[in-house]
Amino acid sequence: MLGYLMIGTNDLEKSLAFYDALLPMIGGRRGSPFPKGQSYVFGDKPGPMFVVTSPYDGEAASAGNGTMVSFMVESPEKVAEVHARALELGATNEGDPGPRGGFGDFAYFRDPDGNKLAVFRFKRG
């Protein structure tokens, strides 16, 4: 089971402003602080956390090539809504909302530090 996922930032306050505004749209809220960052939790039960942090080694954060974090939502409309809000908050578009390969609806964007994220809704039945 996934415990937590961390992404790096070079401007923690800017990243926290971005995620504080975006993640509540999909049920996320601040959880416990980390020594160099902040966790976000989803739902009422313990589960995987999403953590934004300055790198522990003191070096610059960089987005991983081929690394992507995805968040599942309840509808194609929510996919489009979250994607649009991310772009309003300063994200760059990596793929407009829409159907992908018969699997469902997906949208892609990069946060202000260049970390690639997706929001999706799997097609049912």
C-alpha atoms as a PDB file:
ATOM      1  CA  MET A   1       0.000   0.000   0.000  1.00  0.00           C
ATOM      2  CA  LEU A   2       1.224   3.466  -0.835  1.00  0.00           C
ATOM      3  CA  GLY A   3       2.166   5.453   2.279  1.00  0.00           C
ATOM      4  CA  TYR A   4       3.116   8.829   0.865  1.00  0.00           C
ATOM      5  CA  LEU A   5       4.457  10.468  -2.227  1.00  0.00           C
ATOM      6  CA  MET A   6       6.836  13.445  -2.142  1.00  0.00           C
ATOM      7  CA  ILE A   7       7.548  16.058  -4.778  1.00  0.00           C
ATOM      8  CA  GLY A   8      10.246  18.683  -4.554  1.00  0.00           C
ATOM      9  CA  THR A   9       9.950  22.437  -4.664  1.00  0.00           C
ATOM     10  CA  ASN A  10      12.375  25.332  -4.901  1.00  0.00           C
ATOM     11  CA  ASP A  11       9.817  27.793  -3.473  1.00  0.00           C
ATOM     12  CA  LEU A  12       7.866  26.158  -0.659  1.00  0.00           C
ATOM     13  CA  GLU A  13       5.532  29.103   0.004  1.00  0.00           C
ATOM     14  CA  LYS A  14       4.584  29.376  -3.687  1.00  0.00           C
ATOM     15  CA  SER A  15       3.979  25.624  -3.875  1.00  0.00           C
ATOM     16  CA  LEU A  16       1.881  25.606  -0.718  1.00  0.00           C
ATOM     17  CA  ALA A  17      -0.257  28.443  -2.090  1.00  0.00           C
ATOM     18  CA  PHE A  18      -0.748  26.427  -5.307  1.00  0.00           C
ATOM     19  CA  TYR A  19      -1.672  23.169  -3.558  1.00  0.00           C
ATOM     20  CA  ASP A  20      -3.708  24.854  -0.792  1.00  0.00           C
ATOM     21  CA  ALA A  21      -5.926  26.279  -3.537  1.00  0.00           C
ATOM     22  CA  LEU A  22      -6.021  23.197  -5.783  1.00  0.00           C
ATOM     23  CA  LEU A  23      -6.228  20.096  -3.578  1.00  0.00           C
ATOM     24  CA  PRO A  24      -9.450  20.967  -1.689  1.00  0.00           C
ATOM     25  CA  MET A  25     -11.222  20.567  -5.052  1.00  0.00           C
ATOM     26  CA  ILE A  26     -10.471  16.833  -4.835  1.00  0.00           C
ATOM     27  CA  GLY A  27     -10.861  16.341  -1.095  1.00  0.00           C
ATOM     28  CA  GLY A  28      -7.323  17.213  -0.016  1.00  0.00           C
ATOM     29  CA  ARG A  29      -6.365  19.268   3.015  1.00  0.00           C
ATOM     30  CA  ARG A  30      -3.196  19.992   4.948  1.00  0.00           C
ATOM     31  CA  GLY A  31      -2.041  17.184   7.189  1.00  0.00           C
ATOM     32  CA  SER A  32       1.056  17.017   9.348  1.00  0.00           C
ATOM     33  CA  PRO A  33       3.961  19.309   8.585  1.00  0.00           C
ATOM     34  CA  PHE A  34       7.221  17.680   7.490  1.00  0.00           C
ATOM     35  CA  PRO A  35      10.632  19.061   8.537  1.00  0.00           C
ATOM     36  CA  LYS A  36      11.092  20.812   5.163  1.00  0.00           C
ATOM     37  CA  GLY A  37       7.568  20.681   3.762  1.00  0.00           C
ATOM     38  CA  GLN A  38       3.902  19.937   4.193  1.00  0.00           C
ATOM     39  CA  SER A  39       1.733  16.849   3.806  1.00  0.00           C
ATOM     40  CA  TYR A  40      -1.767  16.769   2.366  1.00  0.00           C
ATOM     41  CA  VAL A  41      -4.302  14.091   3.265  1.00  0.00           C
ATOM     42  CA  PHE A  42      -7.503  12.942   1.583  1.00  0.00           C
ATOM     43  CA  GLY A  43     -10.691  11.718   3.241  1.00  0.00           C
ATOM     44  CA  ASP A  44     -11.365  10.915   6.884  1.00  0.00           C
ATOM     45  CA  LYS A  45      -9.460   7.638   7.142  1.00  0.00           C
ATOM     46  CA  PRO A  46      -5.691   7.228   7.233  1.00  0.00           C
ATOM     47  CA  GLY A  47      -4.378   6.753   3.751  1.00  0.00           C
ATOM     48  CA  PRO A  48      -1.663   7.830   1.383  1.00  0.00           C
ATOM     49  CA  MET A  49      -0.309  11.349   1.799  1.00  0.00           C
ATOM     50  CA  PHE A  50       0.926  13.795  -0.825  1.00  0.00           C
ATOM     51  CA  VAL A  51       3.940  15.780   0.424  1.00  0.00           C
ATOM     52  CA  VAL A  52       5.473  18.958  -0.975  1.00  0.00           C
ATOM     53  CA  THR A  53       9.001  19.519   0.315  1.00  0.00           C
ATOM     54  CA  SER A  54      12.299  21.252  -0.199  1.00  0.00           C
ATOM     55  CA  PRO A  55      14.926  18.599  -0.967  1.00  0.00           C
ATOM     56  CA  TYR A  56      16.538  17.217   2.167  1.00  0.00           C
ATOM     57  CA  ASP A  57      20.020  17.275   0.610  1.00  0.00           C
ATOM     58  CA  GLY A  58      19.870  21.046   0.136  1.00  0.00           C
ATOM     59  CA  GLU A  59      20.254  20.779  -3.632  1.00  0.00           C
ATOM     60  CA  ALA A  60      17.769  22.276  -6.104  1.00  0.00           C
ATOM     61  CA  ALA A  61      14.539  20.392  -6.692  1.00  0.00           C
ATOM     62  CA  SER A  62      13.954  19.075 -10.195  1.00  0.00           C
ATOM     63  CA  ALA A  63      11.011  17.345 -11.811  1.00  0.00           C
ATOM     64  CA  GLY A  64      11.639  13.677 -12.522  1.00  0.00           C
ATOM     65  CA  ASN A  65      11.669  12.752 -16.201  1.00  0.00           C
ATOM     66  CA  GLY A  66       8.937  10.143 -16.566  1.00  0.00           C
ATOM     67  CA  THR A  67       7.595  10.818 -13.063  1.00  0.00           C
ATOM     68  CA  MET A  68       3.935  11.795 -12.716  1.00  0.00           C
ATOM     69  CA  VAL A  69       1.480  12.020  -9.847  1.00  0.00           C
ATOM     70  CA  SER A  70      -2.180  11.404 -10.635  1.00  0.00           C
ATOM     71  CA  PHE A  71      -5.328  12.186  -8.694  1.00  0.00           C
ATOM     72  CA  MET A  72      -8.585  10.301  -9.292  1.00  0.00           C
ATOM     73  CA  VAL A  73     -11.840  12.289  -9.303  1.00  0.00           C
ATOM     74  CA  GLU A  74     -15.489  11.396  -9.637  1.00  0.00           C
ATOM     75  CA  SER A  75     -16.462  12.793 -13.052  1.00  0.00           C
ATOM     76  CA  PRO A  76     -15.189  14.041 -16.417  1.00  0.00           C
ATOM     77  CA  GLU A  77     -16.483  17.473 -15.427  1.00  0.00           C
ATOM     78  CA  LYS A  78     -14.272  17.443 -12.328  1.00  0.00           C
ATOM     79  CA  VAL A  79     -11.287  16.498 -14.518  1.00  0.00           C
ATOM     80  CA  ALA A  80     -11.875  19.640 -16.585  1.00  0.00           C
ATOM     81  CA  GLU A  81     -12.580  21.802 -13.523  1.00  0.00           C
ATOM     82  CA  VAL A  82      -9.404  20.795 -11.669  1.00  0.00           C
ATOM     83  CA  HIS A  83      -7.293  21.188 -14.820  1.00  0.00           C
ATOM     84  CA  ALA A  84      -8.692  24.683 -15.463  1.00  0.00           C
ATOM     85  CA  ARG A  85      -8.065  25.715 -11.847  1.00  0.00           C
ATOM     86  CA  ALA A  86      -4.498  24.420 -11.965  1.00  0.00           C
ATOM     87  CA  LEU A  87      -3.832  26.550 -15.052  1.00  0.00           C
ATOM     88  CA  GLU A  88      -5.374  29.588 -13.306  1.00  0.00           C
ATOM     89  CA  LEU A  89      -2.982  28.980 -10.406  1.00  0.00           C
ATOM     90  CA  GLY A  90       0.073  29.053 -12.668  1.00  0.00           C
ATOM     91  CA  ALA A  91       0.378  25.467 -13.898  1.00  0.00           C
ATOM     92  CA  THR A  92       1.360  24.789 -17.497  1.00  0.00           C
ATOM     93  CA  ASN A  93      -0.816  22.651 -19.725  1.00  0.00           C
ATOM     94  CA  GLU A  94       0.531  19.196 -20.599  1.00  0.00           C
ATOM     95  CA  GLY A  95      -2.698  17.829 -22.102  1.00  0.00           C
ATOM     96  CA  ASP A  96      -6.237  19.164 -22.326  1.00  0.00           C
ATOM     97  CA  PRO A  97      -9.063  17.295 -20.589  1.00  0.00           C
ATOM     98  CA  GLY A  98     -10.647  14.558 -22.651  1.00  0.00           C
ATOM     99  CA  PRO A  99     -10.928  10.851 -23.318  1.00  0.00           C
ATOM    100  CA  ARG A 100      -7.709   8.837 -23.511  1.00  0.00           C
ATOM    101  CA  GLY A 101      -7.439   5.398 -25.084  1.00  0.00           C
ATOM    102  CA  GLY A 102     -10.895   4.261 -24.032  1.00  0.00           C
ATOM    103  CA  PHE A 103      -9.823   4.259 -20.358  1.00  0.00           C
ATOM    104  CA  GLY A 104     -11.648   7.406 -19.285  1.00  0.00           C
ATOM    105  CA  ASP A 105     -11.061  11.132 -19.103  1.00  0.00           C
ATOM    106  CA  PHE A 106      -7.635  12.541 -18.259  1.00  0.00           C
ATOM    107  CA  ALA A 107      -5.932  15.950 -18.117  1.00  0.00           C
ATOM    108  CA  TYR A 108      -2.278  16.793 -17.510  1.00  0.00           C
ATOM    109  CA  PHE A 109      -0.400  19.805 -16.149  1.00  0.00           C
ATOM    110  CA  ARG A 110       2.877  20.841 -14.503  1.00  0.00           C
ATOM    111  CA  ASP A 111       2.949  22.675 -11.192  1.00  0.00           C
ATOM    112  CA  PRO A 112       5.059  25.842 -10.762  1.00  0.00           C
ATOM    113  CA  ASP A 113       8.173  23.698 -10.106  1.00  0.00           C
ATOM    114  CA  GLY A 114       7.639  21.592 -13.234  1.00  0.00           C
ATOM    115  CA  ASN A 115       6.308  18.471 -11.493  1.00  0.00           C
ATOM    116  CA  LYS A 116       3.914  16.644 -13.838  1.00  0.00           C
ATOM    117  CA  LEU A 117       0.457  15.881 -12.501  1.00  0.00           C
ATOM    118  CA  ALA A 118      -2.666  14.295 -13.910  1.00  0.00           C
ATOM    119  CA  VAL A 119      -6.286  14.289 -12.890  1.00  0.00           C
ATOM    120  CA  PHE A 120      -8.456  11.454 -14.189  1.00  0.00           C
ATOM    121  CA  ARG A 121     -11.734   9.583 -14.062  1.00  0.00           C
ATOM    122  CA  PHE A 122     -11.706   5.943 -15.174  1.00  0.00           C
ATOM    123  CA  LYS A 123     -14.460   4.886 -17.519  1.00  0.00           C
ATOM    124  CA  ARG A 124     -16.891   2.553 -15.818  1.00  0.00           C
ATOM    125  CA  GLY A 125     -18.152  -0.683 -17.315  1.00  0.00           C
END
